Amino acid sequence: MTIWAKHAGRHAKWLGIAILIGLLLGVASASDAADVNPLQPADTSSPRASLQGFIEAVDNIYLGTKDVLEEYGRSDRLYLIRRSRNQKV
């Protein structure tokens, strides 16, 4: 394995992590179209309710991006393909 190949593998790993973080931050504030009131603020009446709302949001993001990230991880592409970038979460 050449030095370039080692660096490319390392860069691909960091790129994947950066994409995951970007998706988590970018989609965290997005709401589902199926919500009755998509502008309804999160329940912050107690620490438990705040944490529950955060966990639900992260779970929804994970479920929406899991397949895209797995497909990207199996591929040897440097960037996501257009279909994956345009996929709604």
C-alpha atoms as a PDB file:
ATOM      1  CA  MET A   1       0.000   0.000   0.000  1.00  0.00           C
ATOM      2  CA  THR A   2       1.469   3.328  -1.008  1.00  0.00           C
ATOM      3  CA  ILE A   3       1.631   6.390   1.192  1.00  0.00           C
ATOM      4  CA  TRP A   4      -0.938   8.102  -1.037  1.00  0.00           C
ATOM      5  CA  ALA A   5      -3.384   5.241  -0.542  1.00  0.00           C
ATOM      6  CA  LYS A   6      -2.971   5.451   3.237  1.00  0.00           C
ATOM      7  CA  HIS A   7      -3.591   9.190   3.180  1.00  0.00           C
ATOM      8  CA  ALA A   8      -6.610   8.773   0.895  1.00  0.00           C
ATOM      9  CA  GLY A   9      -8.105   6.224   3.298  1.00  0.00           C
ATOM     10  CA  ARG A  10      -7.528   8.535   6.242  1.00  0.00           C
ATOM     11  CA  HIS A  11      -9.032  11.484   4.362  1.00  0.00           C
ATOM     12  CA  ALA A  12     -12.055   9.411   3.355  1.00  0.00           C
ATOM     13  CA  LYS A  13     -12.609   8.483   7.001  1.00  0.00           C
ATOM     14  CA  TRP A  14     -12.480  12.115   8.112  1.00  0.00           C
ATOM     15  CA  LEU A  15     -14.679  13.161   5.201  1.00  0.00           C
ATOM     16  CA  GLY A  16     -17.279  10.609   6.290  1.00  0.00           C
ATOM     17  CA  ILE A  17     -17.168  11.924   9.846  1.00  0.00           C
ATOM     18  CA  ALA A  18     -17.468  15.520   8.597  1.00  0.00           C
ATOM     19  CA  ILE A  19     -20.461  14.574   6.447  1.00  0.00           C
ATOM     20  CA  LEU A  20     -22.119  12.867   9.412  1.00  0.00           C
ATOM     21  CA  ILE A  21     -21.590  15.904  11.637  1.00  0.00           C
ATOM     22  CA  GLY A  22     -22.848  18.209   8.894  1.00  0.00           C
ATOM     23  CA  LEU A  23     -25.950  16.114   8.417  1.00  0.00           C
ATOM     24  CA  LEU A  24     -26.606  16.009  12.149  1.00  0.00           C
ATOM     25  CA  LEU A  25     -26.240  19.762  12.507  1.00  0.00           C
ATOM     26  CA  GLY A  26     -28.027  20.623   9.277  1.00  0.00           C
ATOM     27  CA  VAL A  27     -30.988  18.342   9.713  1.00  0.00           C
ATOM     28  CA  ALA A  28     -31.399  18.747  13.466  1.00  0.00           C
ATOM     29  CA  SER A  29     -33.459  21.874  13.022  1.00  0.00           C
ATOM     30  CA  ALA A  30     -35.507  20.505  10.109  1.00  0.00           C
ATOM     31  CA  SER A  31     -38.965  19.239  10.908  1.00  0.00           C
ATOM     32  CA  ASP A  32     -41.039  16.449   9.442  1.00  0.00           C
ATOM     33  CA  ALA A  33     -43.627  17.374   6.828  1.00  0.00           C
ATOM     34  CA  ALA A  34     -46.057  15.044   8.598  1.00  0.00           C
ATOM     35  CA  ASP A  35     -46.037  17.159  11.769  1.00  0.00           C
ATOM     36  CA  VAL A  36     -49.329  18.835  12.568  1.00  0.00           C
ATOM     37  CA  ASN A  37     -47.522  22.069  13.407  1.00  0.00           C
ATOM     38  CA  PRO A  38     -43.939  22.004  12.113  1.00  0.00           C
ATOM     39  CA  LEU A  39     -43.167  25.325  13.833  1.00  0.00           C
ATOM     40  CA  GLN A  40     -44.102  24.045  17.280  1.00  0.00           C
ATOM     41  CA  PRO A  41     -41.129  24.556  19.622  1.00  0.00           C
ATOM     42  CA  ALA A  42     -39.578  21.657  21.473  1.00  0.00           C
ATOM     43  CA  ASP A  43     -40.929  20.859  24.924  1.00  0.00           C
ATOM     44  CA  THR A  44     -38.499  22.409  27.400  1.00  0.00           C
ATOM     45  CA  SER A  45     -40.766  22.338  30.429  1.00  0.00           C
ATOM     46  CA  SER A  46     -38.313  20.101  32.266  1.00  0.00           C
ATOM     47  CA  PRO A  47     -34.830  18.648  31.793  1.00  0.00           C
ATOM     48  CA  ARG A  48     -36.409  15.247  31.141  1.00  0.00           C
ATOM     49  CA  ALA A  49     -38.666  16.636  28.395  1.00  0.00           C
ATOM     50  CA  SER A  50     -35.732  18.513  26.821  1.00  0.00           C
ATOM     51  CA  LEU A  51     -33.571  15.390  26.783  1.00  0.00           C
ATOM     52  CA  GLN A  52     -36.418  13.281  25.401  1.00  0.00           C
ATOM     53  CA  GLY A  53     -36.973  15.778  22.583  1.00  0.00           C
ATOM     54  CA  PHE A  54     -33.252  15.776  21.773  1.00  0.00           C
ATOM     55  CA  ILE A  55     -33.115  11.969  21.731  1.00  0.00           C
ATOM     56  CA  GLU A  56     -36.138  11.791  19.413  1.00  0.00           C
ATOM     57  CA  ALA A  57     -34.588  14.343  17.035  1.00  0.00           C
ATOM     58  CA  VAL A  58     -31.270  12.469  16.909  1.00  0.00           C
ATOM     59  CA  ASP A  59     -33.058   9.141  16.387  1.00  0.00           C
ATOM     60  CA  ASN A  60     -35.000  10.595  13.446  1.00  0.00           C
ATOM     61  CA  ILE A  61     -31.808  11.993  11.918  1.00  0.00           C
ATOM     62  CA  TYR A  62     -30.034   8.656  12.358  1.00  0.00           C
ATOM     63  CA  LEU A  63     -32.866   6.703  10.755  1.00  0.00           C
ATOM     64  CA  GLY A  64     -32.982   9.134   7.844  1.00  0.00           C
ATOM     65  CA  THR A  65     -29.247   9.110   7.137  1.00  0.00           C
ATOM     66  CA  LYS A  66     -28.283   5.544   8.068  1.00  0.00           C
ATOM     67  CA  ASP A  67     -28.766   4.080   4.588  1.00  0.00           C
ATOM     68  CA  VAL A  68     -26.994   6.985   2.870  1.00  0.00           C
ATOM     69  CA  LEU A  69     -23.964   6.711   5.151  1.00  0.00           C
ATOM     70  CA  GLU A  70     -23.807   2.914   4.836  1.00  0.00           C
ATOM     71  CA  GLU A  71     -23.924   3.161   1.037  1.00  0.00           C
ATOM     72  CA  TYR A  72     -21.194   5.812   1.093  1.00  0.00           C
ATOM     73  CA  GLY A  73     -19.068   3.700   3.433  1.00  0.00           C
ATOM     74  CA  ARG A  74     -19.260   0.698   1.097  1.00  0.00           C
ATOM     75  CA  SER A  75     -18.387   2.758  -1.969  1.00  0.00           C
ATOM     76  CA  ASP A  76     -15.002   4.008  -3.078  1.00  0.00           C
ATOM     77  CA  ARG A  77     -16.361   7.421  -4.098  1.00  0.00           C
ATOM     78  CA  LEU A  78     -14.989  10.609  -2.612  1.00  0.00           C
ATOM     79  CA  TYR A  79     -18.317  12.468  -2.757  1.00  0.00           C
ATOM     80  CA  LEU A  80     -21.943  11.496  -2.375  1.00  0.00           C
ATOM     81  CA  ILE A  81     -23.830  10.916  -5.594  1.00  0.00           C
ATOM     82  CA  ARG A  82     -26.642  13.334  -6.484  1.00  0.00           C
ATOM     83  CA  ARG A  83     -29.384  10.884  -5.472  1.00  0.00           C
ATOM     84  CA  SER A  84     -27.891  10.556  -1.971  1.00  0.00           C
ATOM     85  CA  ARG A  85     -27.396  14.315  -1.556  1.00  0.00           C
ATOM     86  CA  ASN A  86     -30.982  15.031  -2.557  1.00  0.00           C
ATOM     87  CA  GLN A  87     -32.547  12.322  -0.371  1.00  0.00           C
ATOM     88  CA  LYS A  88     -35.039  13.723   2.108  1.00  0.00           C
ATOM     89  CA  VAL A  89     -34.477  12.790   5.725  1.00  0.00           C
END
